[in-house]
Amino acid sequence: MILYPSIHLKDGAVARLTRGGDVEDAGMLSGEPSARAAQFAAQKFSWLHVVDLDGAFEGKPVNTAAVEAILKSVAIPVQLSGGIRNLQTIEEWLMKGIKRVVLTTMAVEKPELAREACRKFPDAVAVKIDAHAGQVALTGWLKTLPMRVLDLALKFEESGAAAIIYADINRDGALAEINHEAVLDLAFALTTPVIAAGGINSLKDIETLKSSSKAGVAGIILGRALSSGKIKAEEALKLMVGG
């Protein structure tokens, strides 16, 4: 199982987004995203999860310079989300060194194009599904669609998505209890690896998800709990190599 420390970018700096998805309410943590990335790499994390918050709301890449600085500062693979809505943007990011792009809004608003992306760029496209009460939420968490999370996930499994990232928007960034049951149910239903995000705020949460790795839970994205110190990087990584 892989731990993905996350870096959310707003106005070129590191931000913290809490429940509700309002980018204007995002708290600023650090002015140097590349330094934050280098710190994660030095702590021996094997992947990095980066989100262009401004890009997610504007529908196009915004924090390009910050992402490029991160790529120059680390050798570990980076997966990127936010403002990725077409094949050209995907290809450009992959050429710049992004290992995996993450599609969210595109997966719902342009599903055929998103599935084409999964096929055209094998192992390089993941789909993130924001969920509310088992339904798909989108547009910066501002509305919910009459579509089940599992139904959307199955469509992209058929297209060869590298991973499905699942986030409960009621818990993401809120330091609430993780919806372990929903993550496990999705992992059992898919053969595609599932990465859990949202509501992970303790070593116990990580241990619980790690115990579900055989069911297909392949990774965990760590956000606010890691940046706030509620979860210590060394302790979380030690747990991954433990029994």
Protein backbone atom coordinates (compact mmCIF):
# COMPACT_ATOMS: atom_id res chain seq x y z
CA MET A 1 0.00 0.00 0.00
CA ILE A 2 1.25 3.46 -0.94
CA LEU A 3 0.92 6.63 1.13
CA TYR A 4 0.44 9.77 -0.96
CA PRO A 5 1.15 13.02 0.91
CA SER A 6 -0.83 15.78 -0.76
CA ILE A 7 0.02 19.33 -1.72
CA HIS A 8 -2.90 21.61 -2.61
CA LEU A 9 -1.92 24.68 -4.61
CA LYS A 10 -3.65 28.07 -4.53
CA ASP A 11 -2.15 31.26 -5.91
CA GLY A 12 1.19 29.50 -6.30
CA ALA A 13 1.40 28.52 -2.63
CA VAL A 14 0.47 25.52 -0.49
CA ALA A 15 -3.14 25.65 0.72
CA ARG A 16 -5.42 23.59 2.94
CA LEU A 17 -8.96 22.97 1.69
CA THR A 18 -11.59 21.93 4.22
CA ARG A 19 -15.05 20.46 3.94
CA GLY A 20 -17.31 22.23 1.48
CA GLY A 21 -14.73 22.80 -1.23
CA ASP A 22 -14.72 26.59 -1.15
CA VAL A 23 -11.36 27.54 -2.60
CA GLU A 24 -11.74 31.06 -1.21
CA ASP A 25 -11.75 29.64 2.32
CA ALA A 26 -8.62 27.58 1.78
CA GLY A 27 -6.05 28.23 4.50
CA MET A 28 -2.50 28.95 3.39
CA LEU A 29 0.23 26.74 4.84
CA SER A 30 3.47 27.54 3.03
CA GLY A 31 4.76 29.78 0.29
CA GLU A 32 7.10 27.20 -1.24
CA PRO A 33 5.40 24.14 -2.74
CA SER A 34 8.72 22.79 -4.03
CA ALA A 35 10.20 22.90 -0.53
CA ARG A 36 7.19 21.05 0.83
CA ALA A 37 7.57 18.42 -1.89
CA ALA A 38 11.28 18.03 -1.16
CA GLN A 39 10.45 17.54 2.51
CA PHE A 40 8.07 14.70 1.68
CA ALA A 41 10.69 13.09 -0.55
CA ALA A 42 13.31 13.38 2.19
CA GLN A 43 10.90 11.65 4.57
CA LYS A 44 10.93 8.71 2.14
CA PHE A 45 7.41 8.91 0.77
CA SER A 46 7.37 7.05 -2.56
CA TRP A 47 4.71 9.15 -4.33
CA LEU A 48 3.31 12.68 -4.20
CA HIS A 49 -0.27 13.83 -4.81
CA VAL A 50 -0.62 17.41 -6.08
CA VAL A 51 -3.87 19.34 -6.61
CA ASP A 52 -4.16 22.57 -8.58
CA LEU A 53 -7.09 24.05 -6.64
CA ASP A 54 -7.38 27.13 -8.83
CA GLY A 55 -7.25 24.92 -11.90
CA ALA A 56 -10.01 22.68 -10.57
CA PHE A 57 -12.35 25.65 -10.23
CA GLU A 58 -11.33 27.40 -13.44
CA GLY A 59 -11.27 24.27 -15.59
CA LYS A 60 -7.71 24.73 -16.85
CA PRO A 61 -4.18 24.57 -15.38
CA VAL A 62 -3.40 27.63 -13.27
CA ASN A 63 -0.55 26.79 -10.90
CA THR A 64 1.68 25.49 -13.68
CA ALA A 65 4.86 27.15 -12.42
CA ALA A 66 4.41 25.69 -8.95
CA VAL A 67 3.84 22.20 -10.33
CA GLU A 68 6.90 22.48 -12.57
CA ALA A 69 8.97 23.60 -9.56
CA ILE A 70 7.78 20.55 -7.64
CA LEU A 71 8.80 18.27 -10.51
CA LYS A 72 12.29 19.78 -10.48
CA SER A 73 12.62 19.40 -6.71
CA VAL A 74 11.83 15.67 -6.38
CA ALA A 75 12.67 12.41 -8.09
CA ILE A 76 9.65 10.50 -6.77
CA PRO A 77 6.61 10.12 -9.06
CA VAL A 78 3.92 12.80 -8.91
CA GLN A 79 0.22 12.44 -9.64
CA LEU A 80 -1.63 15.65 -10.51
CA SER A 81 -5.26 16.72 -10.28
CA GLY A 82 -7.04 19.96 -11.10
CA GLY A 83 -7.90 21.74 -14.35
CA ILE A 84 -7.30 18.70 -16.55
CA ARG A 85 -10.18 18.62 -19.01
CA ASN A 86 -8.79 17.50 -22.39
CA LEU A 87 -6.31 15.14 -24.03
CA GLN A 88 -3.88 17.91 -24.90
CA THR A 89 -3.53 18.97 -21.27
CA ILE A 90 -3.00 15.36 -20.21
CA GLU A 91 -0.29 14.84 -22.82
CA GLU A 92 1.44 18.11 -21.92
CA TRP A 93 1.62 17.23 -18.24
CA LEU A 94 2.91 13.73 -18.96
CA MET A 95 5.60 15.18 -21.21
CA LYS A 96 6.63 17.56 -18.41
CA GLY A 97 7.18 14.63 -16.08
CA ILE A 98 3.88 14.02 -14.30
CA LYS A 99 3.63 10.27 -13.77
CA ARG A 100 -0.16 10.10 -13.47
CA VAL A 101 -2.93 12.62 -14.10
CA VAL A 102 -6.15 12.46 -12.10
CA LEU A 103 -9.47 13.21 -13.80
CA THR A 104 -12.49 14.32 -11.77
CA THR A 105 -14.88 16.72 -13.52
CA MET A 106 -13.81 15.50 -16.96
CA ALA A 107 -14.79 11.96 -15.98
CA VAL A 108 -18.39 13.09 -15.46
CA GLU A 109 -18.83 15.93 -17.94
CA LYS A 110 -16.84 14.33 -20.79
CA PRO A 111 -16.96 10.59 -19.99
CA GLU A 112 -16.23 9.36 -23.51
CA LEU A 113 -13.18 11.62 -23.78
CA ALA A 114 -12.03 10.56 -20.31
CA ARG A 115 -12.33 6.91 -21.22
CA GLU A 116 -10.37 7.60 -24.40
CA ALA A 117 -7.67 9.15 -22.21
CA CYS A 118 -7.49 5.98 -20.10
CA ARG A 119 -6.98 3.92 -23.22
CA LYS A 120 -4.55 6.33 -24.90
CA PHE A 121 -2.34 6.79 -21.84
CA PRO A 122 -2.27 3.38 -20.11
CA ASP A 123 -1.17 3.40 -16.45
CA ALA A 124 -1.07 7.21 -16.51
CA VAL A 125 -4.70 8.19 -15.89
CA ALA A 126 -6.58 7.81 -12.61
CA VAL A 127 -10.15 8.87 -11.91
CA LYS A 128 -11.08 10.63 -8.67
CA ILE A 129 -14.68 10.30 -7.52
CA ASP A 130 -15.96 12.74 -4.94
CA ALA A 131 -18.95 11.18 -3.19
CA HIS A 132 -21.86 12.30 -1.08
CA ALA A 133 -24.17 9.61 0.33
CA GLY A 134 -22.98 7.17 -2.34
CA GLN A 135 -23.67 9.59 -5.20
CA VAL A 136 -21.17 11.41 -7.41
CA ALA A 137 -20.42 15.05 -6.56
CA LEU A 138 -18.61 17.45 -8.88
CA THR A 139 -17.85 21.07 -9.81
CA GLY A 140 -15.79 21.72 -6.74
CA TRP A 141 -18.25 19.74 -4.56
CA LEU A 142 -20.99 22.30 -5.29
CA LYS A 143 -23.55 19.81 -6.59
CA THR A 144 -24.40 16.10 -6.53
CA LEU A 145 -25.44 14.07 -9.56
CA PRO A 146 -27.98 11.22 -9.68
CA MET A 147 -25.20 8.75 -10.37
CA ARG A 148 -23.83 6.08 -8.07
CA VAL A 149 -20.12 6.06 -7.33
CA LEU A 150 -19.86 2.37 -8.25
CA ASP A 151 -21.54 2.88 -11.63
CA LEU A 152 -19.04 5.58 -12.58
CA ALA A 153 -16.11 3.56 -11.28
CA LEU A 154 -17.11 0.50 -13.32
CA LYS A 155 -17.20 2.55 -16.52
CA PHE A 156 -13.59 3.54 -16.03
CA GLU A 157 -12.51 0.09 -14.95
CA GLU A 158 -13.67 -1.09 -18.37
CA SER A 159 -11.54 1.63 -19.97
CA GLY A 160 -8.37 0.71 -18.09
CA ALA A 161 -8.06 3.48 -15.52
CA ALA A 162 -4.85 3.11 -13.52
CA ALA A 163 -6.68 3.73 -10.23
CA ILE A 164 -9.91 4.98 -8.73
CA ILE A 165 -9.48 7.61 -6.03
CA TYR A 166 -12.46 7.72 -3.66
CA ALA A 167 -13.21 10.71 -1.42
CA ASP A 168 -16.20 11.31 0.84
CA ILE A 169 -16.70 15.09 0.64
CA ASN A 170 -18.35 15.24 4.06
CA ARG A 171 -15.11 14.00 5.58
CA ASP A 172 -12.40 15.33 3.25
CA GLY A 173 -10.35 17.97 5.05
CA ALA A 174 -12.65 17.93 8.08
CA LEU A 175 -10.62 15.56 10.27
CA ALA A 176 -13.73 13.41 10.66
CA GLU A 177 -13.82 9.63 10.81
CA ILE A 178 -13.02 7.90 7.53
CA ASN A 179 -15.83 6.13 5.71
CA HIS A 180 -13.99 2.83 5.79
CA GLU A 181 -17.04 0.77 4.84
CA ALA A 182 -17.64 2.74 1.64
CA VAL A 183 -13.97 2.47 0.62
CA LEU A 184 -13.94 -1.27 1.26
CA ASP A 185 -17.23 -1.86 -0.59
CA LEU A 186 -15.86 -0.06 -3.65
CA ALA A 187 -12.57 -1.96 -3.52
CA PHE A 188 -14.38 -5.30 -3.31
CA ALA A 189 -16.51 -4.42 -6.33
CA LEU A 190 -13.58 -3.44 -8.56
CA THR A 191 -10.43 -5.04 -9.87
CA THR A 192 -8.95 -1.57 -10.42
CA PRO A 193 -6.82 -0.40 -7.46
CA VAL A 194 -8.67 1.97 -5.12
CA ILE A 195 -6.94 4.89 -3.40
CA ALA A 196 -8.68 6.27 -0.32
CA ALA A 197 -8.89 10.01 0.36
CA GLY A 198 -10.81 12.12 2.84
CA GLY A 199 -11.27 11.71 6.59
CA ILE A 200 -7.95 9.98 7.27
CA ASN A 201 -6.84 11.57 10.53
CA SER A 202 -5.09 8.95 12.64
CA LEU A 203 -2.70 6.02 12.50
CA LYS A 204 -5.68 3.84 13.33
CA ASP A 205 -7.36 4.93 10.09
CA ILE A 206 -4.22 4.00 8.15
CA GLU A 207 -3.97 0.66 9.92
CA THR A 208 -7.63 -0.09 9.18
CA LEU A 209 -7.19 0.64 5.49
CA LYS A 210 -3.94 -1.28 5.35
CA SER A 211 -5.81 -4.33 6.62
CA SER A 212 -8.04 -4.00 3.53
CA SER A 213 -5.19 -4.02 1.03
CA LYS A 214 -6.04 -7.55 -0.10
CA ALA A 215 -9.52 -6.30 -1.01
CA GLY A 216 -7.98 -3.82 -3.42
CA VAL A 217 -7.30 -0.74 -1.30
CA ALA A 218 -3.93 0.14 -2.82
CA GLY A 219 -3.21 3.59 -1.44
CA ILE A 220 -4.08 6.39 0.96
CA ILE A 221 -3.89 10.14 0.33
CA LEU A 222 -2.85 12.10 3.41
CA GLY A 223 -3.81 15.75 3.61
CA ARG A 224 -4.72 17.97 6.53
CA ALA A 225 -3.91 15.42 9.23
CA LEU A 226 -0.34 15.20 7.95
CA SER A 227 0.17 18.95 7.53
CA SER A 228 -1.29 19.66 10.98
CA GLY A 229 0.90 17.06 12.66
CA LYS A 230 -1.98 14.90 13.78
CA ILE A 231 -0.35 12.14 11.77
CA LYS A 232 3.45 11.99 11.93
CA ALA A 233 5.13 11.09 8.66
CA GLU A 234 7.69 8.76 10.23
CA GLU A 235 5.02 6.87 12.19
CA ALA A 236 2.76 6.47 9.16
CA LEU A 237 5.60 5.22 6.96
CA LYS A 238 6.77 2.84 9.68
CA LEU A 239 3.28 1.39 9.84
CA MET A 240 3.43 0.65 6.13
CA VAL A 241 6.50 -1.57 6.50
CA GLY A 242 5.29 -3.16 9.72
CA GLY A 243 3.54 -6.47 10.01
